[in-house]
C-alpha cells in the first residue's frame, strides 16, 4: 500500500494508514482546506498531510480527485485542497451504466 525508499512497514504502516484515514474522513465533505487548517484539525505535520493528499490520488488508495486552488496572492504560495470521491459506474446486463 505505502512505498518509498525510507518506508519500513513494521515502523510506518499503522501511522501512515491512520493519517490517511483521518485526512480522508475530514476531507470527504468536499470542503476546501489549507494544509495549516488540516494540521490544526489533525495535529499531523503539513508535509505528512501533503503526502497523504498525494496518496489519495493513487489507484491503490482510492483514486480520489484532489483539487488545488490558490488562496490570496499566488506569489505567497498558499493553496487550499479539496477531495472528490471517485465515480463508480455499475453496468447492468443490458449494458446500461448507473452511478454507484
N, C-alpha and C. Protein backbone atom coordinates (compact mmCIF):
# COMPACT_ATOMS: atom_id res chain seq x y z
N UNK A 1 0.83 -1.19 0.00
CA UNK A 1 0.00 0.00 0.00
C UNK A 1 0.87 1.26 0.00
N UNK A 2 1.73 1.39 0.99
CA UNK A 2 2.66 2.53 1.05
C UNK A 2 4.00 2.08 0.49
N UNK A 3 4.79 3.03 0.02
CA UNK A 3 6.09 2.68 -0.54
C UNK A 3 7.04 3.85 -0.39
N UNK A 4 8.22 3.68 -0.90
CA UNK A 4 9.23 4.74 -0.84
C UNK A 4 10.53 4.19 -0.27
N UNK A 5 11.60 4.91 -0.52
CA UNK A 5 12.93 4.45 -0.11
C UNK A 5 13.08 4.30 1.39
N UNK A 6 12.42 5.14 2.17
CA UNK A 6 12.59 5.10 3.62
C UNK A 6 11.45 4.40 4.34
N UNK A 7 10.48 3.87 3.60
CA UNK A 7 9.32 3.20 4.20
C UNK A 7 9.73 1.87 4.82
N UNK A 8 9.37 1.69 6.08
CA UNK A 8 9.58 0.43 6.79
C UNK A 8 8.23 0.00 7.35
N UNK A 9 7.67 -1.06 6.78
CA UNK A 9 6.31 -1.47 7.13
C UNK A 9 6.10 -1.60 8.63
N UNK A 10 7.02 -2.26 9.32
CA UNK A 10 6.84 -2.50 10.76
C UNK A 10 6.83 -1.21 11.58
N UNK A 11 7.47 -0.18 11.09
CA UNK A 11 7.54 1.09 11.81
C UNK A 11 6.53 2.14 11.32
N UNK A 12 6.15 2.05 10.06
CA UNK A 12 5.40 3.14 9.43
C UNK A 12 3.95 2.83 9.07
N UNK A 13 3.61 1.57 8.82
CA UNK A 13 2.31 1.23 8.24
C UNK A 13 1.13 1.76 9.06
N UNK A 14 1.07 1.44 10.34
CA UNK A 14 -0.08 1.85 11.16
C UNK A 14 -0.20 3.37 11.23
N UNK A 15 0.92 4.05 11.39
CA UNK A 15 0.91 5.51 11.48
C UNK A 15 0.41 6.13 10.17
N UNK A 16 0.93 5.67 9.06
CA UNK A 16 0.54 6.23 7.76
C UNK A 16 -0.92 5.92 7.43
N UNK A 17 -1.35 4.70 7.75
CA UNK A 17 -2.74 4.34 7.49
C UNK A 17 -3.69 5.18 8.33
N UNK A 18 -3.32 5.41 9.58
CA UNK A 18 -4.12 6.26 10.47
C UNK A 18 -4.21 7.68 9.92
N UNK A 19 -3.09 8.22 9.46
CA UNK A 19 -3.07 9.56 8.87
C UNK A 19 -3.98 9.62 7.65
N UNK A 20 -3.81 8.66 6.76
CA UNK A 20 -4.59 8.62 5.53
C UNK A 20 -6.08 8.57 5.83
N UNK A 21 -6.48 7.68 6.74
CA UNK A 21 -7.89 7.54 7.08
C UNK A 21 -8.46 8.82 7.68
N UNK A 22 -7.71 9.44 8.60
CA UNK A 22 -8.22 10.65 9.26
C UNK A 22 -8.35 11.81 8.27
N UNK A 23 -7.36 11.97 7.41
CA UNK A 23 -7.41 13.05 6.42
C UNK A 23 -8.55 12.82 5.43
N UNK A 24 -8.73 11.58 4.99
CA UNK A 24 -9.83 11.27 4.07
C UNK A 24 -11.17 11.56 4.74
N UNK A 25 -11.35 11.15 5.98
CA UNK A 25 -12.61 11.37 6.69
C UNK A 25 -12.93 12.85 6.84
N UNK A 26 -11.93 13.66 7.09
CA UNK A 26 -12.14 15.11 7.21
C UNK A 26 -12.47 15.72 5.85
N UNK A 27 -11.74 15.31 4.83
CA UNK A 27 -11.84 15.96 3.52
C UNK A 27 -12.99 15.46 2.66
N UNK A 28 -13.59 14.34 3.01
CA UNK A 28 -14.61 13.74 2.14
C UNK A 28 -15.86 14.61 2.02
N UNK A 29 -15.99 15.62 2.88
CA UNK A 29 -17.15 16.52 2.81
C UNK A 29 -17.07 17.49 1.63
N UNK A 30 -15.94 17.50 0.92
CA UNK A 30 -15.81 18.34 -0.27
C UNK A 30 -15.44 19.79 0.02
N UNK A 31 -15.22 20.13 1.29
CA UNK A 31 -14.82 21.49 1.64
C UNK A 31 -13.36 21.74 1.27
N UNK A 32 -13.03 22.99 1.02
CA UNK A 32 -11.66 23.39 0.71
C UNK A 32 -10.94 23.70 2.01
N UNK A 33 -9.71 23.17 2.17
CA UNK A 33 -8.91 23.41 3.36
C UNK A 33 -7.44 23.56 2.99
N UNK A 34 -6.75 24.42 3.73
CA UNK A 34 -5.31 24.57 3.55
C UNK A 34 -4.60 23.50 4.37
N UNK A 35 -3.31 23.32 4.08
CA UNK A 35 -2.52 22.37 4.87
C UNK A 35 -2.49 22.78 6.34
N UNK A 36 -2.40 24.08 6.61
CA UNK A 36 -2.36 24.52 8.01
C UNK A 36 -3.69 24.26 8.71
N UNK A 37 -4.81 24.40 8.00
CA UNK A 37 -6.10 24.07 8.60
C UNK A 37 -6.18 22.58 8.93
N UNK A 38 -5.67 21.76 8.03
CA UNK A 38 -5.65 20.32 8.28
C UNK A 38 -4.70 19.97 9.43
N UNK A 39 -3.59 20.68 9.53
CA UNK A 39 -2.66 20.47 10.64
C UNK A 39 -3.36 20.78 11.97
N UNK A 40 -4.12 21.87 12.00
CA UNK A 40 -4.85 22.24 13.23
C UNK A 40 -5.88 21.18 13.60
N UNK A 41 -6.53 20.60 12.61
CA UNK A 41 -7.56 19.59 12.87
C UNK A 41 -6.98 18.23 13.27
N UNK A 42 -5.81 17.90 12.73
CA UNK A 42 -5.27 16.55 12.93
C UNK A 42 -4.05 16.48 13.85
N UNK A 43 -3.28 17.56 13.90
CA UNK A 43 -2.02 17.52 14.63
C UNK A 43 -0.88 16.93 13.83
N UNK A 44 -1.13 16.54 12.58
CA UNK A 44 -0.10 15.96 11.72
C UNK A 44 0.74 17.07 11.10
N UNK A 45 2.02 16.79 10.81
CA UNK A 45 2.84 17.78 10.11
C UNK A 45 2.29 18.06 8.71
N UNK A 46 2.46 19.29 8.24
CA UNK A 46 1.96 19.65 6.91
C UNK A 46 2.58 18.80 5.81
N UNK A 47 3.85 18.42 5.98
CA UNK A 47 4.49 17.57 4.96
C UNK A 47 3.81 16.20 4.88
N UNK A 48 3.38 15.66 6.01
CA UNK A 48 2.67 14.38 6.02
C UNK A 48 1.29 14.52 5.39
N UNK A 49 0.62 15.61 5.68
CA UNK A 49 -0.71 15.86 5.11
C UNK A 49 -0.61 15.97 3.59
N UNK A 50 0.38 16.71 3.12
CA UNK A 50 0.59 16.86 1.69
C UNK A 50 0.85 15.51 1.03
N UNK A 51 1.68 14.69 1.67
CA UNK A 51 1.98 13.36 1.14
C UNK A 51 0.73 12.49 1.10
N UNK A 52 -0.11 12.58 2.12
CA UNK A 52 -1.32 11.76 2.15
C UNK A 52 -2.34 12.24 1.11
N UNK A 53 -2.40 13.53 0.86
CA UNK A 53 -3.27 14.02 -0.21
C UNK A 53 -2.80 13.46 -1.56
N UNK A 54 -1.49 13.42 -1.76
CA UNK A 54 -0.95 12.81 -3.00
C UNK A 54 -1.30 11.33 -3.05
N UNK A 55 -1.19 10.65 -1.90
CA UNK A 55 -1.51 9.22 -1.86
C UNK A 55 -2.96 8.96 -2.24
N UNK A 56 -3.86 9.84 -1.85
CA UNK A 56 -5.28 9.63 -2.16
C UNK A 56 -5.55 9.62 -3.66
N UNK A 57 -4.67 10.20 -4.45
CA UNK A 57 -4.82 10.18 -5.91
C UNK A 57 -4.52 8.79 -6.50
N UNK A 58 -3.72 8.02 -5.81
CA UNK A 58 -3.27 6.73 -6.33
C UNK A 58 -4.43 5.73 -6.40
N UNK A 59 -4.41 4.90 -7.44
CA UNK A 59 -5.46 3.91 -7.62
C UNK A 59 -5.57 3.00 -6.39
N UNK A 60 -4.45 2.57 -5.85
CA UNK A 60 -4.48 1.65 -4.71
C UNK A 60 -4.97 2.32 -3.43
N UNK A 61 -5.09 3.64 -3.43
CA UNK A 61 -5.59 4.38 -2.26
C UNK A 61 -6.99 4.94 -2.49
N UNK A 62 -7.58 4.62 -3.65
CA UNK A 62 -8.96 5.01 -3.89
C UNK A 62 -9.21 5.88 -5.09
N UNK A 63 -8.17 6.37 -5.75
CA UNK A 63 -8.32 7.19 -6.96
C UNK A 63 -9.17 8.44 -6.74
N UNK A 64 -8.99 9.09 -5.62
CA UNK A 64 -9.71 10.33 -5.35
C UNK A 64 -9.16 11.43 -6.25
N UNK A 65 -10.03 12.36 -6.62
CA UNK A 65 -9.59 13.58 -7.28
C UNK A 65 -9.19 14.55 -6.19
N UNK A 66 -7.98 15.09 -6.27
CA UNK A 66 -7.52 16.08 -5.31
C UNK A 66 -7.36 17.40 -6.07
N UNK A 67 -8.24 18.33 -5.78
CA UNK A 67 -8.21 19.64 -6.41
C UNK A 67 -7.39 20.60 -5.56
N UNK A 68 -6.78 21.56 -6.22
CA UNK A 68 -5.96 22.56 -5.53
C UNK A 68 -6.28 23.92 -6.12
N UNK A 69 -6.40 24.93 -5.26
CA UNK A 69 -6.61 26.30 -5.76
C UNK A 69 -5.80 27.27 -4.91
N UNK A 70 -5.43 28.36 -5.54
CA UNK A 70 -4.65 29.41 -4.88
C UNK A 70 -5.53 30.15 -3.88
N UNK A 71 -4.96 30.45 -2.73
CA UNK A 71 -5.63 31.28 -1.73
C UNK A 71 -4.89 32.62 -1.69
N UNK A 72 -5.61 33.70 -1.99
CA UNK A 72 -4.98 35.02 -1.98
C UNK A 72 -4.03 35.21 -3.15
N UNK A 73 -2.94 35.93 -2.90
CA UNK A 73 -1.94 36.24 -3.92
C UNK A 73 -1.11 35.00 -4.23
N UNK A 74 -1.08 34.63 -5.50
CA UNK A 74 -0.34 33.42 -5.90
C UNK A 74 1.13 33.49 -5.50
N UNK A 75 1.68 34.69 -5.42
CA UNK A 75 3.09 34.85 -5.05
C UNK A 75 3.38 34.32 -3.65
N UNK A 76 2.35 34.24 -2.81
CA UNK A 76 2.55 33.74 -1.45
C UNK A 76 2.61 32.22 -1.38
N UNK A 77 2.17 31.54 -2.43
CA UNK A 77 2.27 30.09 -2.49
C UNK A 77 1.34 29.34 -1.55
N UNK A 78 0.21 29.96 -1.18
CA UNK A 78 -0.75 29.30 -0.30
C UNK A 78 -1.87 28.69 -1.13
N UNK A 79 -2.13 27.42 -0.88
CA UNK A 79 -3.16 26.69 -1.62
C UNK A 79 -4.14 26.05 -0.65
N UNK A 80 -5.34 25.83 -1.14
CA UNK A 80 -6.29 25.01 -0.41
C UNK A 80 -6.61 23.79 -1.27
N UNK A 81 -7.07 22.75 -0.61
CA UNK A 81 -7.28 21.46 -1.26
C UNK A 81 -8.68 20.95 -0.99
N UNK A 82 -9.15 20.15 -1.93
CA UNK A 82 -10.47 19.53 -1.85
C UNK A 82 -10.34 18.14 -2.44
N UNK A 83 -11.00 17.16 -1.84
CA UNK A 83 -11.02 15.84 -2.47
C UNK A 83 -12.44 15.52 -2.92
N UNK A 84 -12.51 14.80 -4.03
CA UNK A 84 -13.77 14.35 -4.61
C UNK A 84 -13.72 12.84 -4.68
N UNK A 85 -14.75 12.22 -4.16
CA UNK A 85 -14.86 10.76 -4.20
C UNK A 85 -14.87 10.29 -5.66
N UNK A 86 -14.20 9.18 -5.95
CA UNK A 86 -14.21 8.69 -7.33
C UNK A 86 -15.62 8.23 -7.73
N UNK A 87 -15.93 8.42 -8.98
CA UNK A 87 -17.21 7.99 -9.51
C UNK A 87 -17.10 6.54 -9.94
N UNK A 88 -18.04 5.74 -9.49
CA UNK A 88 -18.07 4.33 -9.86
C UNK A 88 -19.30 4.09 -10.71
N UNK A 89 -19.13 3.38 -11.80
CA UNK A 89 -20.25 3.06 -12.68
C UNK A 89 -20.44 1.55 -12.67
N UNK A 90 -21.66 1.13 -12.38
CA UNK A 90 -22.01 -0.29 -12.40
C UNK A 90 -22.80 -0.54 -13.69
N UNK A 91 -22.38 -1.55 -14.44
CA UNK A 91 -23.06 -1.87 -15.69
C UNK A 91 -24.01 -3.04 -15.48
N UNK A 92 -25.22 -2.90 -16.01
CA UNK A 92 -26.22 -3.96 -15.92
C UNK A 92 -26.03 -4.91 -17.10
N UNK A 93 -26.80 -5.99 -17.09
CA UNK A 93 -26.68 -7.00 -18.15
C UNK A 93 -26.97 -6.44 -19.54
N UNK A 94 -27.85 -5.44 -19.62
CA UNK A 94 -28.18 -4.88 -20.94
C UNK A 94 -27.18 -3.81 -21.38
N UNK A 95 -26.11 -3.62 -20.60
CA UNK A 95 -25.07 -2.68 -20.98
C UNK A 95 -25.27 -1.26 -20.51
N UNK A 96 -26.38 -1.02 -19.83
CA UNK A 96 -26.64 0.32 -19.29
C UNK A 96 -25.79 0.54 -18.04
N UNK A 97 -25.29 1.74 -17.89
CA UNK A 97 -24.49 2.06 -16.72
C UNK A 97 -25.26 2.94 -15.75
N UNK A 98 -24.96 2.76 -14.46
CA UNK A 98 -25.54 3.63 -13.45
C UNK A 98 -24.46 3.99 -12.44
N UNK A 99 -24.53 5.22 -11.94
CA UNK A 99 -23.56 5.67 -10.95
C UNK A 99 -23.87 5.03 -9.61
N UNK A 100 -22.83 4.57 -8.94
CA UNK A 100 -22.98 3.93 -7.63
C UNK A 100 -22.42 4.85 -6.58
